[in-house]
Amino acid sequence: MTQRDLAERANITLTYISKLESAGTAPGIDLVERLANALETDVVALLPPKPDAAVTEAELKHLLDATVKKAGPETLLMLQMFLVRLADSPSAKR
């Protein structure tokens, strides 16, 4: 698939696709789903690999705060749904 094909399928600009491929920008969580659909894969396949080191609670809080400050309505809704499911999961109750 060409960059142009991906841009058309995900309904984003060719310039933005180019920036994504060169690591000049990172997609918001709302765009990751559109990219996954355009690439006919799931969102997990587009996420970075699991980090080797354990993340501290303070680092997670900082990351969440930074994400919420920059997030638009779609991203906030997706984040809310994710956090609700995570909080309700059996693994969260250990």
N, C-alpha and C. Protein backbone atom coordinates (compact mmCIF):
# COMPACT_ATOMS: atom_id res chain seq x y z
N MET A 1 0.85 -1.17 0.00
CA MET A 1 0.00 0.00 0.00
C MET A 1 0.90 1.24 0.00
N THR A 2 0.56 2.19 -0.80
CA THR A 2 1.33 3.43 -0.85
C THR A 2 0.87 4.37 0.26
N GLN A 3 1.68 5.39 0.51
CA GLN A 3 1.29 6.41 1.48
C GLN A 3 0.00 7.08 1.03
N ARG A 4 -0.13 7.32 -0.25
CA ARG A 4 -1.33 7.95 -0.79
C ARG A 4 -2.56 7.08 -0.53
N ASP A 5 -2.42 5.77 -0.75
CA ASP A 5 -3.54 4.85 -0.49
C ASP A 5 -3.96 4.90 0.97
N LEU A 6 -2.97 4.85 1.86
CA LEU A 6 -3.26 4.88 3.29
C LEU A 6 -3.92 6.20 3.68
N ALA A 7 -3.41 7.29 3.15
CA ALA A 7 -4.00 8.61 3.46
C ALA A 7 -5.46 8.65 3.03
N GLU A 8 -5.75 8.14 1.86
CA GLU A 8 -7.13 8.14 1.37
C GLU A 8 -8.01 7.24 2.22
N ARG A 9 -7.52 6.04 2.53
CA ARG A 9 -8.33 5.10 3.31
C ARG A 9 -8.59 5.60 4.74
N ALA A 10 -7.60 6.28 5.33
CA ALA A 10 -7.74 6.77 6.70
C ALA A 10 -8.30 8.19 6.76
N ASN A 11 -8.53 8.79 5.58
CA ASN A 11 -9.06 10.14 5.48
C ASN A 11 -8.18 11.16 6.20
N ILE A 12 -6.87 11.10 5.92
CA ILE A 12 -5.91 12.07 6.44
C ILE A 12 -5.00 12.50 5.29
N THR A 13 -4.20 13.51 5.51
CA THR A 13 -3.38 14.03 4.43
C THR A 13 -2.14 13.16 4.18
N LEU A 14 -1.67 13.22 2.97
CA LEU A 14 -0.45 12.52 2.59
C LEU A 14 0.73 13.06 3.38
N THR A 15 0.75 14.34 3.62
CA THR A 15 1.82 14.96 4.41
C THR A 15 1.87 14.37 5.81
N TYR A 16 0.71 14.17 6.41
CA TYR A 16 0.65 13.61 7.76
C TYR A 16 1.16 12.17 7.77
N ILE A 17 0.80 11.39 6.77
CA ILE A 17 1.30 10.01 6.67
C ILE A 17 2.82 10.02 6.59
N SER A 18 3.36 10.92 5.80
CA SER A 18 4.81 11.03 5.66
C SER A 18 5.46 11.36 7.00
N LYS A 19 4.87 12.27 7.75
CA LYS A 19 5.39 12.62 9.07
C LYS A 19 5.33 11.43 10.03
N LEU A 20 4.24 10.64 9.95
CA LEU A 20 4.13 9.45 10.80
C LEU A 20 5.25 8.46 10.49
N GLU A 21 5.49 8.22 9.22
CA GLU A 21 6.51 7.24 8.82
C GLU A 21 7.92 7.69 9.18
N SER A 22 8.16 8.98 9.21
CA SER A 22 9.49 9.47 9.55
C SER A 22 9.63 9.79 11.03
N ALA A 23 8.63 9.43 11.82
CA ALA A 23 8.60 9.69 13.27
C ALA A 23 8.64 11.19 13.57
N GLY A 24 8.11 11.99 12.64
CA GLY A 24 8.02 13.43 12.85
C GLY A 24 6.82 13.83 13.67
N THR A 25 5.92 12.89 13.86
CA THR A 25 4.73 13.12 14.67
C THR A 25 4.20 11.75 15.12
N ALA A 26 3.33 11.77 16.08
CA ALA A 26 2.69 10.53 16.56
C ALA A 26 1.18 10.74 16.50
N PRO A 27 0.44 9.70 16.11
CA PRO A 27 -1.01 9.86 16.01
C PRO A 27 -1.67 9.88 17.37
N GLY A 28 -2.77 10.62 17.46
CA GLY A 28 -3.58 10.55 18.67
C GLY A 28 -4.31 9.22 18.69
N ILE A 29 -4.81 8.85 19.83
CA ILE A 29 -5.46 7.55 19.97
C ILE A 29 -6.66 7.42 19.04
N ASP A 30 -7.35 8.54 18.75
CA ASP A 30 -8.49 8.49 17.86
C ASP A 30 -8.07 8.15 16.43
N LEU A 31 -6.89 8.58 16.03
CA LEU A 31 -6.40 8.31 14.69
C LEU A 31 -5.85 6.89 14.55
N VAL A 32 -5.36 6.32 15.63
CA VAL A 32 -4.81 4.96 15.58
C VAL A 32 -5.86 3.97 15.10
N GLU A 33 -7.08 4.12 15.55
CA GLU A 33 -8.15 3.22 15.11
C GLU A 33 -8.42 3.37 13.62
N ARG A 34 -8.44 4.60 13.12
CA ARG A 34 -8.66 4.80 11.68
C ARG A 34 -7.51 4.20 10.87
N LEU A 35 -6.29 4.37 11.35
CA LEU A 35 -5.14 3.78 10.65
C LEU A 35 -5.22 2.26 10.66
N ALA A 36 -5.60 1.68 11.80
CA ALA A 36 -5.73 0.23 11.88
C ALA A 36 -6.79 -0.27 10.90
N ASN A 37 -7.91 0.41 10.84
CA ASN A 37 -8.97 0.02 9.90
C ASN A 37 -8.48 0.13 8.46
N ALA A 38 -7.79 1.22 8.15
CA ALA A 38 -7.28 1.42 6.79
C ALA A 38 -6.26 0.35 6.41
N LEU A 39 -5.49 -0.10 7.39
CA LEU A 39 -4.47 -1.13 7.15
C LEU A 39 -5.02 -2.55 7.32
N GLU A 40 -6.30 -2.64 7.66
CA GLU A 40 -6.97 -3.93 7.87
C GLU A 40 -6.26 -4.77 8.92
N THR A 41 -5.98 -4.12 10.05
CA THR A 41 -5.36 -4.78 11.19
C THR A 41 -6.04 -4.28 12.45
N ASP A 42 -5.58 -4.74 13.61
CA ASP A 42 -6.18 -4.24 14.85
C ASP A 42 -5.26 -3.19 15.47
N VAL A 43 -5.81 -2.43 16.39
CA VAL A 43 -5.09 -1.32 17.02
C VAL A 43 -3.83 -1.81 17.72
N VAL A 44 -3.90 -2.96 18.36
CA VAL A 44 -2.75 -3.48 19.11
C VAL A 44 -1.53 -3.64 18.21
N ALA A 45 -1.74 -4.00 16.96
CA ALA A 45 -0.62 -4.19 16.03
C ALA A 45 0.12 -2.87 15.75
N LEU A 46 -0.53 -1.75 15.99
CA LEU A 46 0.09 -0.45 15.72
C LEU A 46 0.72 0.18 16.95
N LEU A 47 0.49 -0.40 18.11
CA LEU A 47 1.03 0.16 19.34
C LEU A 47 2.50 -0.23 19.51
N PRO A 48 3.28 0.60 20.19
CA PRO A 48 4.68 0.25 20.41
C PRO A 48 4.80 -0.99 21.28
N PRO A 49 5.94 -1.68 21.19
CA PRO A 49 6.11 -2.88 22.00
C PRO A 49 6.11 -2.54 23.49
N LYS A 50 5.83 -3.54 24.27
CA LYS A 50 5.79 -3.38 25.73
C LYS A 50 7.18 -2.97 26.22
N PRO A 51 7.27 -1.95 27.06
CA PRO A 51 8.58 -1.52 27.56
C PRO A 51 9.21 -2.58 28.45
N ASP A 52 10.52 -2.60 28.49
CA ASP A 52 11.24 -3.58 29.31
C ASP A 52 11.16 -3.26 30.80
N ALA A 53 11.29 -2.00 31.13
CA ALA A 53 11.32 -1.60 32.54
C ALA A 53 9.92 -1.34 33.06
N ALA A 54 9.73 -1.56 34.34
CA ALA A 54 8.44 -1.28 34.97
C ALA A 54 8.24 0.24 35.05
N VAL A 55 7.02 0.66 34.82
CA VAL A 55 6.68 2.08 34.88
C VAL A 55 6.16 2.38 36.27
N THR A 56 6.60 3.49 36.83
CA THR A 56 6.14 3.85 38.17
C THR A 56 4.77 4.50 38.10
N GLU A 57 4.10 4.52 39.21
CA GLU A 57 2.78 5.15 39.28
C GLU A 57 2.89 6.64 38.95
N ALA A 58 3.94 7.29 39.41
CA ALA A 58 4.13 8.71 39.12
C ALA A 58 4.31 8.96 37.61
N GLU A 59 5.04 8.08 36.93
CA GLU A 59 5.23 8.22 35.49
C GLU A 59 3.91 8.04 34.75
N LEU A 60 3.10 7.09 35.20
CA LEU A 60 1.80 6.87 34.57
C LEU A 60 0.88 8.07 34.78
N LYS A 61 0.87 8.61 35.97
CA LYS A 61 0.04 9.79 36.24
C LYS A 61 0.49 10.96 35.37
N HIS A 62 1.78 11.15 35.22
CA HIS A 62 2.30 12.23 34.38
C HIS A 62 1.87 12.03 32.93
N LEU A 63 2.00 10.82 32.42
CA LEU A 63 1.61 10.51 31.05
C LEU A 63 0.11 10.73 30.84
N LEU A 64 -0.70 10.27 31.79
CA LEU A 64 -2.14 10.45 31.69
C LEU A 64 -2.51 11.94 31.71
N ASP A 65 -1.91 12.69 32.61
CA ASP A 65 -2.18 14.14 32.68
C ASP A 65 -1.82 14.83 31.37
N ALA A 66 -0.66 14.50 30.82
CA ALA A 66 -0.22 15.11 29.56
C ALA A 66 -1.16 14.75 28.42
N THR A 67 -1.63 13.51 28.40
CA THR A 67 -2.54 13.05 27.35
C THR A 67 -3.88 13.77 27.45
N VAL A 68 -4.41 13.87 28.65
CA VAL A 68 -5.71 14.52 28.85
C VAL A 68 -5.65 16.00 28.47
N LYS A 69 -4.55 16.67 28.78
CA LYS A 69 -4.43 18.09 28.45
C LYS A 69 -4.47 18.34 26.95
N LYS A 70 -3.92 17.42 26.15
CA LYS A 70 -3.85 17.60 24.70
C LYS A 70 -5.01 16.95 23.97
N ALA A 71 -5.82 16.17 24.64
CA ALA A 71 -6.83 15.35 23.99
C ALA A 71 -8.04 16.15 23.54
N GLY A 72 -8.57 15.72 22.40
CA GLY A 72 -9.84 16.25 21.92
C GLY A 72 -10.98 15.39 22.45
N PRO A 73 -12.21 15.73 22.12
CA PRO A 73 -13.37 14.99 22.64
C PRO A 73 -13.36 13.50 22.29
N GLU A 74 -12.98 13.15 21.05
CA GLU A 74 -12.96 11.73 20.67
C GLU A 74 -11.94 10.96 21.49
N THR A 75 -10.78 11.54 21.67
CA THR A 75 -9.73 10.88 22.45
C THR A 75 -10.15 10.71 23.90
N LEU A 76 -10.76 11.74 24.46
CA LEU A 76 -11.22 11.65 25.85
C LEU A 76 -12.28 10.56 26.02
N LEU A 77 -13.18 10.45 25.06
CA LEU A 77 -14.21 9.41 25.12
C LEU A 77 -13.58 8.03 25.05
N MET A 78 -12.64 7.84 24.13
CA MET A 78 -11.98 6.54 24.01
C MET A 78 -11.18 6.21 25.27
N LEU A 79 -10.50 7.21 25.81
CA LEU A 79 -9.74 7.01 27.03
C LEU A 79 -10.65 6.64 28.19
N GLN A 80 -11.78 7.30 28.27
CA GLN A 80 -12.75 6.99 29.32
C GLN A 80 -13.23 5.55 29.20
N MET A 81 -13.58 5.13 27.99
CA MET A 81 -14.06 3.76 27.80
C MET A 81 -12.98 2.75 28.17
N PHE A 82 -11.74 3.03 27.77
CA PHE A 82 -10.63 2.15 28.09
C PHE A 82 -10.43 2.04 29.60
N LEU A 83 -10.43 3.18 30.28
CA LEU A 83 -10.19 3.17 31.73
C LEU A 83 -11.32 2.49 32.49
N VAL A 84 -12.56 2.69 32.05
CA VAL A 84 -13.69 2.01 32.69
C VAL A 84 -13.54 0.50 32.55
N ARG A 85 -13.22 0.04 31.34
CA ARG A 85 -13.04 -1.41 31.13
C ARG A 85 -11.86 -1.94 31.94
N LEU A 86 -10.79 -1.19 31.98
CA LEU A 86 -9.62 -1.61 32.72
C LEU A 86 -9.93 -1.70 34.21
N ALA A 87 -10.63 -0.72 34.72
CA ALA A 87 -10.98 -0.71 36.16
C ALA A 87 -11.90 -1.88 36.50
N ASP A 88 -12.75 -2.29 35.56
CA ASP A 88 -13.68 -3.39 35.80
C ASP A 88 -13.09 -4.77 35.52
N SER A 89 -11.88 -4.82 34.97
CA SER A 89 -11.30 -6.11 34.60
C SER A 89 -10.86 -6.88 35.83
N PRO A 90 -10.91 -8.21 35.77
CA PRO A 90 -10.46 -9.03 36.91
C PRO A 90 -9.01 -8.76 37.30
N SER A 91 -8.14 -8.48 36.34
CA SER A 91 -6.73 -8.25 36.66
C SER A 91 -6.53 -6.96 37.46
N ALA A 92 -7.43 -6.01 37.34
CA ALA A 92 -7.31 -4.75 38.07
C ALA A 92 -7.66 -4.91 39.54
N LYS A 93 -8.29 -6.01 39.88
CA LYS A 93 -8.73 -6.21 41.26
C LYS A 93 -7.75 -7.04 42.08
N ARG A 94 -6.59 -7.32 41.52
CA ARG A 94 -5.59 -8.12 42.27
C ARG A 94 -4.93 -7.33 43.33
